[in-house]
Amino acid sequence: MVDHYRIFEFASSFASHMHELHKEINDKIAQNNANYKLRADVRKRLKLFNVGDFVIVRIRLEQFLSGTVKKLHARSAGLFQILKNLNDNAYVVELSKNFDISSTFYVEDSRL
């Protein structure tokens, strides 16, 4: 019976050691993720626009119907006025009807 007690004691100490090790690793991962986000946010430029501002919109080829646009068409289409602010990341712009695409654009698709 003494042998069973030692095995239980060893298993219990091993389990608590593994639990502490997992907790330590999770804390280290969280700390590294926070440091990575801090370094990445330094290079990030926050772009906020107001209703009525004019922006240059970059139109990707995927936004058009297939066969309607050629590979060498302009990727930036003139100045367009912002009609509505959906959130800090998406805006509705005033597109002319001949574009036949959605008028909602993300910040990464617009240039000031």
PDB file of N, CA and C in Angstrom:
ATOM      1  N   MET A   1       0.813  -1.186   0.000  1.00  0.00           N
ATOM      2  CA  MET A   1       0.000   0.000   0.000  1.00  0.00           C
ATOM      3  C   MET A   1       0.862   1.257   0.000  1.00  0.00           C
ATOM      4  N   VAL A   2       2.027   1.157   0.571  1.00  0.00           N
ATOM      5  CA  VAL A   2       2.941   2.295   0.592  1.00  0.00           C
ATOM      6  C   VAL A   2       3.371   2.645  -0.832  1.00  0.00           C
ATOM      7  N   ASP A   3       3.557   1.638  -1.673  1.00  0.00           N
ATOM      8  CA  ASP A   3       3.978   1.890  -3.050  1.00  0.00           C
ATOM      9  C   ASP A   3       2.915   2.670  -3.807  1.00  0.00           C
ATOM     10  N   HIS A   4       1.657   2.374  -3.576  1.00  0.00           N
ATOM     11  CA  HIS A   4       0.575   3.092  -4.250  1.00  0.00           C
ATOM     12  C   HIS A   4       0.559   4.561  -3.825  1.00  0.00           C
ATOM     13  N   TYR A   5       0.850   4.821  -2.573  1.00  0.00           N
ATOM     14  CA  TYR A   5       0.874   6.201  -2.082  1.00  0.00           C
ATOM     15  C   TYR A   5       1.985   6.979  -2.765  1.00  0.00           C
ATOM     16  N   ARG A   6       3.168   6.366  -2.948  1.00  0.00           N
ATOM     17  CA  ARG A   6       4.279   7.048  -3.617  1.00  0.00           C
ATOM     18  C   ARG A   6       3.941   7.347  -5.081  1.00  0.00           C
ATOM     19  N   ILE A   7       3.308   6.376  -5.734  1.00  0.00           N
ATOM     20  CA  ILE A   7       2.935   6.592  -7.129  1.00  0.00           C
ATOM     21  C   ILE A   7       1.931   7.736  -7.223  1.00  0.00           C
ATOM     22  N   PHE A   8       0.959   7.776  -6.347  1.00  0.00           N
ATOM     23  CA  PHE A   8      -0.025   8.842  -6.341  1.00  0.00           C
ATOM     24  C   PHE A   8       0.645  10.186  -6.078  1.00  0.00           C
ATOM     25  N   GLU A   9       1.570  10.209  -5.122  1.00  0.00           N
ATOM     26  CA  GLU A   9       2.286  11.439  -4.792  1.00  0.00           C
ATOM     27  C   GLU A   9       3.105  11.918  -5.985  1.00  0.00           C
ATOM     28  N   PHE A  10       3.793  11.010  -6.671  1.00  0.00           N
ATOM     29  CA  PHE A  10       4.581  11.361  -7.844  1.00  0.00           C
ATOM     30  C   PHE A  10       3.675  11.857  -8.971  1.00  0.00           C
ATOM     31  N   ALA A  11       2.578  11.180  -9.210  1.00  0.00           N
ATOM     32  CA  ALA A  11       1.655  11.584 -10.269  1.00  0.00           C
ATOM     33  C   ALA A  11       1.045  12.946  -9.965  1.00  0.00           C
ATOM     34  N   SER A  12       0.713  13.157  -8.707  1.00  0.00           N
ATOM     35  CA  SER A  12       0.129  14.436  -8.315  1.00  0.00           C
ATOM     36  C   SER A  12       1.135  15.576  -8.496  1.00  0.00           C
ATOM     37  N   SER A  13       2.375  15.370  -8.088  1.00  0.00           N
ATOM     38  CA  SER A  13       3.384  16.413  -8.245  1.00  0.00           C
ATOM     39  C   SER A  13       3.689  16.651  -9.725  1.00  0.00           C
ATOM     40  N   PHE A  14       3.708  15.583 -10.516  1.00  0.00           N
ATOM     41  CA  PHE A  14       3.946  15.730 -11.956  1.00  0.00           C
ATOM     42  C   PHE A  14       2.803  16.501 -12.620  1.00  0.00           C
ATOM     43  N   ALA A  15       1.563  16.197 -12.227  1.00  0.00           N
ATOM     44  CA  ALA A  15       0.404  16.884 -12.795  1.00  0.00           C
ATOM     45  C   ALA A  15       0.415  18.367 -12.430  1.00  0.00           C
ATOM     46  N   SER A  16       0.758  18.677 -11.182  1.00  0.00           N
ATOM     47  CA  SER A  16       0.810  20.089 -10.784  1.00  0.00           C
ATOM     48  C   SER A  16       1.958  20.807 -11.492  1.00  0.00           C
ATOM     49  N   HIS A  17       3.077  20.104 -11.696  1.00  0.00           N
ATOM     50  CA  HIS A  17       4.199  20.694 -12.438  1.00  0.00           C
ATOM     51  C   HIS A  17       3.780  20.998 -13.877  1.00  0.00           C
ATOM     52  N   MET A  18       3.079  20.055 -14.517  1.00  0.00           N
ATOM     53  CA  MET A  18       2.620  20.268 -15.894  1.00  0.00           C
ATOM     54  C   MET A  18       1.602  21.410 -15.962  1.00  0.00           C
ATOM     55  N   HIS A  19       0.744  21.490 -14.970  1.00  0.00           N
ATOM     56  CA  HIS A  19      -0.236  22.572 -14.931  1.00  0.00           C
ATOM     57  C   HIS A  19       0.466  23.925 -14.830  1.00  0.00           C
ATOM     58  N   GLU A  20       1.441  24.037 -13.966  1.00  0.00           N
ATOM     59  CA  GLU A  20       2.206  25.280 -13.826  1.00  0.00           C
ATOM     60  C   GLU A  20       2.979  25.599 -15.101  1.00  0.00           C
ATOM     61  N   LEU A  21       3.530  24.575 -15.724  1.00  0.00           N
ATOM     62  CA  LEU A  21       4.272  24.772 -16.969  1.00  0.00           C
ATOM     63  C   LEU A  21       3.359  25.294 -18.075  1.00  0.00           C
ATOM     64  N   HIS A  22       2.166  24.724 -18.194  1.00  0.00           N
ATOM     65  CA  HIS A  22       1.210  25.203 -19.193  1.00  0.00           C
ATOM     66  C   HIS A  22       0.793  26.643 -18.916  1.00  0.00           C
ATOM     67  N   LYS A  23       0.579  26.972 -17.665  1.00  0.00           N
ATOM     68  CA  LYS A  23       0.208  28.335 -17.305  1.00  0.00           C
ATOM     69  C   LYS A  23       1.338  29.301 -17.651  1.00  0.00           C
ATOM     70  N   GLU A  24       2.560  28.923 -17.360  1.00  0.00           N
ATOM     71  CA  GLU A  24       3.725  29.754 -17.668  1.00  0.00           C
ATOM     72  C   GLU A  24       3.874  29.953 -19.182  1.00  0.00           C
ATOM     73  N   ILE A  25       3.655  28.887 -19.948  1.00  0.00           N
ATOM     74  CA  ILE A  25       3.755  28.987 -21.408  1.00  0.00           C
ATOM     75  C   ILE A  25       2.655  29.878 -21.961  1.00  0.00           C
ATOM     76  N   ASN A  26       1.422  29.735 -21.464  1.00  0.00           N
ATOM     77  CA  ASN A  26       0.324  30.591 -21.924  1.00  0.00           C
ATOM     78  C   ASN A  26       0.593  32.055 -21.602  1.00  0.00           C
ATOM     79  N   ASP A  27       1.135  32.335 -20.423  1.00  0.00           N
ATOM     80  CA  ASP A  27       1.481  33.712 -20.068  1.00  0.00           C
ATOM     81  C   ASP A  27       2.558  34.260 -21.000  1.00  0.00           C
ATOM     82  N   LYS A  28       3.548  33.433 -21.324  1.00  0.00           N
ATOM     83  CA  LYS A  28       4.620  33.859 -22.221  1.00  0.00           C
ATOM     84  C   LYS A  28       4.085  34.133 -23.626  1.00  0.00           C
ATOM     85  N   ILE A  29       3.181  33.293 -24.110  1.00  0.00           N
ATOM     86  CA  ILE A  29       2.578  33.508 -25.425  1.00  0.00           C
ATOM     87  C   ILE A  29       1.768  34.803 -25.442  1.00  0.00           C
ATOM     88  N   ALA A  30       0.998  35.045 -24.404  1.00  0.00           N
ATOM     89  CA  ALA A  30       0.209  36.282 -24.316  1.00  0.00           C
ATOM     90  C   ALA A  30       1.122  37.503 -24.283  1.00  0.00           C
ATOM     91  N   GLN A  31       2.218  37.417 -23.560  1.00  0.00           N
ATOM     92  CA  GLN A  31       3.171  38.535 -23.488  1.00  0.00           C
ATOM     93  C   GLN A  31       3.825  38.772 -24.848  1.00  0.00           C
ATOM     94  N   ASN A  32       4.212  37.702 -25.545  1.00  0.00           N
ATOM     95  CA  ASN A  32       4.816  37.860 -26.863  1.00  0.00           C
ATOM     96  C   ASN A  32       3.822  38.421 -27.869  1.00  0.00           C
ATOM     97  N   ASN A  33       2.565  38.001 -27.799  1.00  0.00           N
ATOM     98  CA  ASN A  33       1.540  38.553 -28.693  1.00  0.00           C
ATOM     99  C   ASN A  33       1.322  40.039 -28.433  1.00  0.00           C
ATOM    100  N   ALA A  34       1.328  40.431 -27.175  1.00  0.00           N
ATOM    101  CA  ALA A  34       1.165  41.850 -26.837  1.00  0.00           C
ATOM    102  C   ALA A  34       2.361  42.664 -27.352  1.00  0.00           C
ATOM    103  N   ASN A  35       3.570  42.124 -27.207  1.00  0.00           N
ATOM    104  CA  ASN A  35       4.746  42.823 -27.726  1.00  0.00           C
ATOM    105  C   ASN A  35       4.714  42.923 -29.245  1.00  0.00           C
ATOM    106  N   TYR A  36       4.285  41.853 -29.915  1.00  0.00           N
ATOM    107  CA  TYR A  36       4.183  41.877 -31.374  1.00  0.00           C
ATOM    108  C   TYR A  36       3.163  42.912 -31.827  1.00  0.00           C
ATOM    109  N   LYS A  37       2.004  42.979 -31.161  1.00  0.00           N
ATOM    110  CA  LYS A  37       0.983  43.957 -31.519  1.00  0.00           C
ATOM    111  C   LYS A  37       1.500  45.371 -31.306  1.00  0.00           C
ATOM    112  N   LEU A  38       2.218  45.595 -30.239  1.00  0.00           N
ATOM    113  CA  LEU A  38       2.773  46.916 -29.963  1.00  0.00           C
ATOM    114  C   LEU A  38       3.733  47.337 -31.070  1.00  0.00           C
ATOM    115  N   ARG A  39       4.608  46.429 -31.504  1.00  0.00           N
ATOM    116  CA  ARG A  39       5.555  46.753 -32.583  1.00  0.00           C
ATOM    117  C   ARG A  39       4.853  46.930 -33.917  1.00  0.00           C
ATOM    118  N   ALA A  40       3.821  46.150 -34.179  1.00  0.00           N
ATOM    119  CA  ALA A  40       3.097  46.259 -35.445  1.00  0.00           C
ATOM    120  C   ALA A  40       2.270  47.539 -35.502  1.00  0.00           C
ATOM    121  N   ASP A  41       1.715  47.963 -34.380  1.00  0.00           N
ATOM    122  CA  ASP A  41       0.886  49.163 -34.363  1.00  0.00           C
ATOM    123  C   ASP A  41       1.698  50.440 -34.532  1.00  0.00           C
ATOM    124  N   VAL A  42       2.996  50.389 -34.291  1.00  0.00           N
ATOM    125  CA  VAL A  42       3.834  51.574 -34.472  1.00  0.00           C
ATOM    126  C   VAL A  42       3.856  51.965 -35.945  1.00  0.00           C
ATOM    127  N   ARG A  43       3.875  50.975 -36.840  1.00  0.00           N
ATOM    128  CA  ARG A  43       3.924  51.251 -38.271  1.00  0.00           C
ATOM    129  C   ARG A  43       2.545  51.473 -38.878  1.00  0.00           C
ATOM    130  N   LYS A  44       1.512  51.206 -38.127  1.00  0.00           N
ATOM    131  CA  LYS A  44       0.151  51.327 -38.637  1.00  0.00           C
ATOM    132  C   LYS A  44      -0.295  52.777 -38.628  1.00  0.00           C
ATOM    133  N   ARG A  45      -0.845  53.212 -39.730  1.00  0.00           N
ATOM    134  CA  ARG A  45      -1.321  54.584 -39.834  1.00  0.00           C
ATOM    135  C   ARG A  45      -2.839  54.587 -39.802  1.00  0.00           C
ATOM    136  N   LEU A  46      -3.404  55.263 -38.847  1.00  0.00           N
ATOM    137  CA  LEU A  46      -4.852  55.330 -38.698  1.00  0.00           C
ATOM    138  C   LEU A  46      -5.404  56.345 -39.684  1.00  0.00           C
ATOM    139  N   LYS A  47      -6.329  55.908 -40.539  1.00  0.00           N
ATOM    140  CA  LYS A  47      -6.947  56.795 -41.515  1.00  0.00           C
ATOM    141  C   LYS A  47      -8.415  56.945 -41.160  1.00  0.00           C
ATOM    142  N   LEU A  48      -8.822  58.115 -40.825  1.00  0.00           N
ATOM    143  CA  LEU A  48     -10.221  58.404 -40.551  1.00  0.00           C
ATOM    144  C   LEU A  48     -10.678  59.499 -41.500  1.00  0.00           C
ATOM    145  N   PHE A  49     -11.830  59.286 -42.110  1.00  0.00           N
ATOM    146  CA  PHE A  49     -12.383  60.262 -43.039  1.00  0.00           C
ATOM    147  C   PHE A  49     -13.735  60.719 -42.531  1.00  0.00           C
ATOM    148  N   ASN A  50     -14.133  61.893 -42.949  1.00  0.00           N
ATOM    149  CA  ASN A  50     -15.429  62.449 -42.592  1.00  0.00           C
ATOM    150  C   ASN A  50     -16.341  62.417 -43.805  1.00  0.00           C
ATOM    151  N   VAL A  51     -17.646  62.488 -43.563  1.00  0.00           N
ATOM    152  CA  VAL A  51     -18.607  62.566 -44.658  1.00  0.00           C
ATOM    153  C   VAL A  51     -18.348  63.866 -45.408  1.00  0.00           C
ATOM    154  N   GLY A  52     -18.235  63.766 -46.720  1.00  0.00           N
ATOM    155  CA  GLY A  52     -17.958  64.940 -47.555  1.00  0.00           C
ATOM    156  C   GLY A  52     -16.513  65.018 -48.010  1.00  0.00           C
ATOM    157  N   ASP A  53     -15.618  64.267 -47.394  1.00  0.00           N
ATOM    158  CA  ASP A  53     -14.220  64.243 -47.839  1.00  0.00           C
ATOM    159  C   ASP A  53     -14.127  63.570 -49.198  1.00  0.00           C
ATOM    160  N   PHE A  54     -13.100  63.946 -49.933  1.00  0.00           N
ATOM    161  CA  PHE A  54     -12.837  63.324 -51.219  1.00  0.00           C
ATOM    162  C   PHE A  54     -11.649  62.378 -51.085  1.00  0.00           C
ATOM    163  N   VAL A  55     -11.792  61.185 -51.649  1.00  0.00           N
ATOM    164  CA  VAL A  55     -10.733  60.186 -51.590  1.00  0.00           C
ATOM    165  C   VAL A  55     -10.531  59.586 -52.976  1.00  0.00           C
ATOM    166  N   ILE A  56      -9.328  59.074 -53.197  1.00  0.00           N
ATOM    167  CA  ILE A  56      -9.042  58.298 -54.395  1.00  0.00           C
ATOM    168  C   ILE A  56      -9.261  56.838 -54.015  1.00  0.00           C
ATOM    169  N   VAL A  57     -10.047  56.157 -54.812  1.00  0.00           N
ATOM    170  CA  VAL A  57     -10.400  54.779 -54.504  1.00  0.00           C
ATOM    171  C   VAL A  57      -9.615  53.846 -55.407  1.00  0.00           C
ATOM    172  N   ARG A  58      -8.982  52.853 -54.804  1.00  0.00           N
ATOM    173  CA  ARG A  58      -8.283  51.818 -55.570  1.00  0.00           C
ATOM    174  C   ARG A  58      -9.267  50.696 -55.834  1.00  0.00           C
ATOM    175  N   ILE A  59      -9.489  50.420 -57.090  1.00  0.00           N
ATOM    176  CA  ILE A  59     -10.442  49.385 -57.463  1.00  0.00           C
ATOM    177  C   ILE A  59      -9.662  48.160 -57.883  1.00  0.00           C
ATOM    178  N   ARG A  60      -9.910  47.074 -57.227  1.00  0.00           N
ATOM    179  CA  ARG A  60      -9.232  45.820 -57.544  1.00  0.00           C
ATOM    180  C   ARG A  60      -9.956  45.117 -58.676  1.00  0.00           C
ATOM    181  N   LEU A  61      -9.218  44.336 -59.425  1.00  0.00           N
ATOM    182  CA  LEU A  61      -9.798  43.639 -60.564  1.00  0.00           C
ATOM    183  C   LEU A  61     -10.873  42.648 -60.137  1.00  0.00           C
ATOM    184  N   GLU A  62     -10.764  42.096 -58.930  1.00  0.00           N
ATOM    185  CA  GLU A  62     -11.745  41.130 -58.447  1.00  0.00           C
ATOM    186  C   GLU A  62     -13.113  41.755 -58.225  1.00  0.00           C
ATOM    187  N   GLN A  63     -13.174  43.091 -58.094  1.00  0.00           N
ATOM    188  CA  GLN A  63     -14.444  43.744 -57.807  1.00  0.00           C
ATOM    189  C   GLN A  63     -15.321  43.848 -59.052  1.00  0.00           C
ATOM    190  N   PHE A  64     -14.725  43.750 -60.226  1.00  0.00           N
ATOM    191  CA  PHE A  64     -15.491  43.832 -61.466  1.00  0.00           C
ATOM    192  C   PHE A  64     -15.981  42.454 -61.870  1.00  0.00           C
ATOM    193  N   LEU A  65     -17.015  42.428 -62.687  1.00  0.00           N
ATOM    194  CA  LEU A  65     -17.477  41.170 -63.265  1.00  0.00           C
ATOM    195  C   LEU A  65     -16.402  40.646 -64.204  1.00  0.00           C
ATOM    196  N   SER A  66     -16.301  39.344 -64.334  1.00  0.00           N
ATOM    197  CA  SER A  66     -15.255  38.789 -65.192  1.00  0.00           C
ATOM    198  C   SER A  66     -15.516  39.165 -66.642  1.00  0.00           C
ATOM    199  N   GLY A  67     -14.464  39.551 -67.348  1.00  0.00           N
ATOM    200  CA  GLY A  67     -14.552  39.922 -68.746  1.00  0.00           C
ATOM    201  C   GLY A  67     -14.868  41.380 -68.987  1.00  0.00           C
ATOM    202  N   THR A  68     -15.152  42.166 -67.937  1.00  0.00           N
ATOM    203  CA  THR A  68     -15.516  43.567 -68.150  1.00  0.00           C
ATOM    204  C   THR A  68     -14.336  44.512 -68.006  1.00  0.00           C
ATOM    205  N   VAL A  69     -13.224  44.021 -67.512  1.00  0.00           N
ATOM    206  CA  VAL A  69     -12.074  44.891 -67.290  1.00  0.00           C
ATOM    207  C   VAL A  69     -10.814  44.158 -67.745  1.00  0.00           C
ATOM    208  N   LYS A  70      -9.898  44.915 -68.282  1.00  0.00           N
ATOM    209  CA  LYS A  70      -8.637  44.347 -68.747  1.00  0.00           C
ATOM    210  C   LYS A  70      -7.593  44.464 -67.640  1.00  0.00           C
ATOM    211  N   LYS A  71      -6.532  43.699 -67.786  1.00  0.00           N
ATOM    212  CA  LYS A  71      -5.489  43.661 -66.767  1.00  0.00           C
ATOM    213  C   LYS A  71      -4.803  45.018 -66.593  1.00  0.00           C
ATOM    214  N   LEU A  72      -4.683  45.780 -67.648  1.00  0.00           N
ATOM    215  CA  LEU A  72      -3.934  47.028 -67.588  1.00  0.00           C
ATOM    216  C   LEU A  72      -4.800  48.260 -67.338  1.00  0.00           C
ATOM    217  N   HIS A  73      -6.070  48.088 -67.009  1.00  0.00           N
ATOM    218  CA  HIS A  73      -6.898  49.245 -66.681  1.00  0.00           C
ATOM    219  C   HIS A  73      -6.359  49.930 -65.432  1.00  0.00           C
ATOM    220  N   ALA A  74      -6.699  51.198 -65.312  1.00  0.00           N
ATOM    221  CA  ALA A  74      -6.218  51.970 -64.158  1.00  0.00           C
ATOM    222  C   ALA A  74      -6.704  51.331 -62.861  1.00  0.00           C
ATOM    223  N   ARG A  75      -5.831  51.294 -61.896  1.00  0.00           N
ATOM    224  CA  ARG A  75      -6.197  50.709 -60.610  1.00  0.00           C
ATOM    225  C   ARG A  75      -6.765  51.762 -59.659  1.00  0.00           C
ATOM    226  N   SER A  76      -6.505  53.011 -59.913  1.00  0.00           N
ATOM    227  CA  SER A  76      -7.068  54.083 -59.088  1.00  0.00           C
ATOM    228  C   SER A  76      -8.056  54.859 -59.943  1.00  0.00           C
ATOM    229  N   ALA A  77      -9.207  55.075 -59.411  1.00  0.00           N
ATOM    230  CA  ALA A  77     -10.231  55.815 -60.139  1.00  0.00           C
ATOM    231  C   ALA A  77     -10.473  57.115 -59.403  1.00  0.00           C
ATOM    232  N   GLY A  78     -10.357  58.223 -60.069  1.00  0.00           N
ATOM    233  CA  GLY A  78     -10.550  59.588 -59.608  1.00  0.00           C
ATOM    234  C   GLY A  78     -10.974  59.841 -58.177  1.00  0.00           C
ATOM    235  N   LEU A  79     -11.296  61.081 -57.921  1.00  0.00           N
ATOM    236  CA  LEU A  79     -11.747  61.509 -56.594  1.00  0.00           C
ATOM    237  C   LEU A  79     -13.233  61.231 -56.441  1.00  0.00           C
ATOM    238  N   PHE A  80     -13.576  60.625 -55.329  1.00  0.00           N
ATOM    239  CA  PHE A  80     -14.974  60.364 -55.028  1.00  0.00           C
ATOM    240  C   PHE A  80     -15.285  60.892 -53.641  1.00  0.00           C
ATOM    241  N   GLN A  81     -16.497  61.399 -53.493  1.00  0.00           N
ATOM    242  CA  GLN A  81     -16.916  61.957 -52.216  1.00  0.00           C
ATOM    243  C   GLN A  81     -17.485  60.857 -51.324  1.00  0.00           C
ATOM    244  N   ILE A  82     -17.163  60.947 -50.050  1.00  0.00           N
ATOM    245  CA  ILE A  82     -17.690  59.992 -49.074  1.00  0.00           C
ATOM    246  C   ILE A  82     -19.110  60.414 -48.710  1.00  0.00           C
ATOM    247  N   LEU A  83     -20.050  59.478 -48.905  1.00  0.00           N
ATOM    248  CA  LEU A  83     -21.453  59.760 -48.613  1.00  0.00           C
ATOM    249  C   LEU A  83     -21.852  59.337 -47.207  1.00  0.00           C
ATOM    250  N   LYS A  84     -21.281  58.222 -46.745  1.00  0.00           N
ATOM    251  CA  LYS A  84     -21.709  57.667 -45.465  1.00  0.00           C
ATOM    252  C   LYS A  84     -20.539  56.964 -44.794  1.00  0.00           C
ATOM    253  N   ASN A  85     -20.464  57.110 -43.491  1.00  0.00           N
ATOM    254  CA  ASN A  85     -19.447  56.454 -42.686  1.00  0.00           C
ATOM    255  C   ASN A  85     -20.100  55.250 -42.014  1.00  0.00           C
ATOM    256  N   LEU A  86     -19.754  54.023 -42.474  1.00  0.00           N
ATOM    257  CA  LEU A  86     -20.328  52.822 -41.867  1.00  0.00           C
ATOM    258  C   LEU A  86     -19.664  52.515 -40.534  1.00  0.00           C
ATOM    259  N   ASN A  87     -18.341  52.604 -40.491  1.00  0.00           N
ATOM    260  CA  ASN A  87     -17.556  52.487 -39.262  1.00  0.00           C
ATOM    261  C   ASN A  87     -16.172  53.052 -39.570  1.00  0.00           C
ATOM    262  N   ASP A  88     -15.221  52.902 -38.670  1.00  0.00           N
ATOM    263  CA  ASP A  88     -13.887  53.468 -38.905  1.00  0.00           C
ATOM    264  C   ASP A  88     -13.156  52.768 -40.028  1.00  0.00           C
ATOM    265  N   ASN A  89     -13.676  51.638 -40.490  1.00  0.00           N
ATOM    266  CA  ASN A  89     -12.973  50.854 -41.483  1.00  0.00           C
ATOM    267  C   ASN A  89     -13.689  50.797 -42.828  1.00  0.00           C
ATOM    268  N   ALA A  90     -14.952  51.213 -42.916  1.00  0.00           N
ATOM    269  CA  ALA A  90     -15.712  51.099 -44.159  1.00  0.00           C
ATOM    270  C   ALA A  90     -16.501  52.374 -44.426  1.00  0.00           C
ATOM    271  N   TYR A  91     -16.523  52.765 -45.691  1.00  0.00           N
ATOM    272  CA  TYR A  91     -17.200  53.984 -46.115  1.00  0.00           C
ATOM    273  C   TYR A  91     -17.975  53.715 -47.395  1.00  0.00           C
ATOM    274  N   VAL A  92     -19.065  54.465 -47.581  1.00  0.00           N
ATOM    275  CA  VAL A  92     -19.810  54.427 -48.837  1.00  0.00           C
ATOM    276  C   VAL A  92     -19.407  55.670 -49.607  1.00  0.00           C
ATOM    277  N   VAL A  93     -18.950  55.467 -50.849  1.00  0.00           N
ATOM    278  CA  VAL A  93     -18.520  56.595 -51.684  1.00  0.00           C
ATOM    279  C   VAL A  93     -19.468  56.753 -52.857  1.00  0.00           C
ATOM    280  N   GLU A  94     -19.457  57.925 -53.454  1.00  0.00           N
ATOM    281  CA  GLU A  94     -20.329  58.242 -54.577  1.00  0.00           C
ATOM    282  C   GLU A  94     -19.647  57.809 -55.870  1.00  0.00           C
ATOM    283  N   LEU A  95     -20.013  56.638 -56.350  1.00  0.00           N
ATOM    284  CA  LEU A  95     -19.463  56.118 -57.600  1.00  0.00           C
ATOM    285  C   LEU A  95     -20.419  56.424 -58.738  1.00  0.00           C
ATOM    286  N   SER A  96     -19.884  56.612 -59.930  1.00  0.00           N
ATOM    287  CA  SER A  96     -20.755  56.770 -61.087  1.00  0.00           C
ATOM    288  C   SER A  96     -21.346  55.414 -61.454  1.00  0.00           C
ATOM    289  N   LYS A  97     -22.466  55.426 -62.134  1.00  0.00           N
ATOM    290  CA  LYS A  97     -23.211  54.191 -62.431  1.00  0.00           C
ATOM    291  C   LYS A  97     -22.470  53.262 -63.386  1.00  0.00           C
ATOM    292  N   ASN A  98     -21.523  53.780 -64.180  1.00  0.00           N
ATOM    293  CA  ASN A  98     -20.850  52.926 -65.166  1.00  0.00           C
ATOM    294  C   ASN A  98     -19.839  51.971 -64.540  1.00  0.00           C
ATOM    295  N   PHE A  99     -19.570  52.076 -63.250  1.00  0.00           N
ATOM    296  CA  PHE A  99     -18.635  51.153 -62.610  1.00  0.00           C
ATOM    297  C   PHE A  99     -19.277  49.797 -62.353  1.00  0.00           C
ATOM    298  N   ASP A 100     -20.565  49.754 -62.091  1.00  0.00           N
ATOM    299  CA  ASP A 100     -21.296  48.509 -61.827  1.00  0.00           C
ATOM    300  C   ASP A 100     -20.667  47.667 -60.713  1.00  0.00           C
ATOM    301  N   ILE A 101     -20.196  48.319 -59.656  1.00  0.00           N
ATOM    302  CA  ILE A 101     -19.664  47.613 -58.491  1.00  0.00           C
ATOM    303  C   ILE A 101     -20.251  48.247 -57.240  1.00  0.00           C
ATOM    304  N   SER A 102     -20.052  47.609 -56.120  1.00  0.00           N
ATOM    305  CA  SER A 102     -20.552  48.130 -54.848  1.00  0.00           C
ATOM    306  C   SER A 102     -19.842  49.431 -54.502  1.00  0.00           C
ATOM    307  N   SER A 103     -20.568  50.338 -53.907  1.00  0.00           N
ATOM    308  CA  SER A 103     -19.979  51.631 -53.548  1.00  0.00           C
ATOM    309  C   SER A 103     -19.414  51.640 -52.136  1.00  0.00           C
ATOM    310  N   THR A 104     -19.367  50.497 -51.470  1.00  0.00           N
ATOM    311  CA  THR A 104     -18.785  50.388 -50.137  1.00  0.00           C
ATOM    312  C   THR A 104     -17.324  49.984 -50.264  1.00  0.00           C
ATOM    313  N   PHE A 105     -16.442  50.752 -49.632  1.00  0.00           N
ATOM    314  CA  PHE A 105     -15.010  50.488 -49.700  1.00  0.00           C
ATOM    315  C   PHE A 105     -14.418  50.490 -48.311  1.00  0.00           C
ATOM    316  N   TYR A 106     -13.396  49.681 -48.153  1.00  0.00           N
ATOM    317  CA  TYR A 106     -12.649  49.641 -46.901  1.00  0.00           C
ATOM    318  C   TYR A 106     -11.533  50.668 -46.944  1.00  0.00           C
ATOM    319  N   VAL A 107     -11.026  51.031 -45.802  1.00  0.00           N
ATOM    320  CA  VAL A 107      -9.989  52.052 -45.711  1.00  0.00           C
ATOM    321  C   VAL A 107      -8.764  51.666 -46.505  1.00  0.00           C
ATOM    322  N   GLU A 108      -8.408  50.392 -46.534  1.00  0.00           N
ATOM    323  CA  GLU A 108      -7.203  49.973 -47.252  1.00  0.00           C
ATOM    324  C   GLU A 108      -7.333  50.174 -48.752  1.00  0.00           C
ATOM    325  N   ASP A 109      -8.569  50.331 -49.266  1.00  0.00           N
ATOM    326  CA  ASP A 109      -8.794  50.563 -50.685  1.00  0.00           C
ATOM    327  C   ASP A 109      -8.873  52.038 -51.032  1.00  0.00           C
ATOM    328  N   SER A 110      -8.710  52.909 -50.082  1.00  0.00           N
ATOM    329  CA  SER A 110      -8.823  54.352 -50.375  1.00  0.00           C
ATOM    330  C   SER A 110      -7.509  55.042 -50.033  1.00  0.00           C
ATOM    331  N   ARG A 111      -7.259  56.082 -50.777  1.00  0.00           N
ATOM    332  CA  ARG A 111      -6.058  56.889 -50.557  1.00  0.00           C
ATOM    333  C   ARG A 111      -6.475  58.341 -50.381  1.00  0.00           C
ATOM    334  N   LEU A 112      -5.764  59.067 -49.599  1.00  0.00           N
ATOM    335  CA  LEU A 112      -6.076  60.462 -49.384  1.00  0.00           C
ATOM    336  C   LEU A 112      -5.257  61.330 -50.311  1.00  0.00           C
TER     337      LEU A 112
END
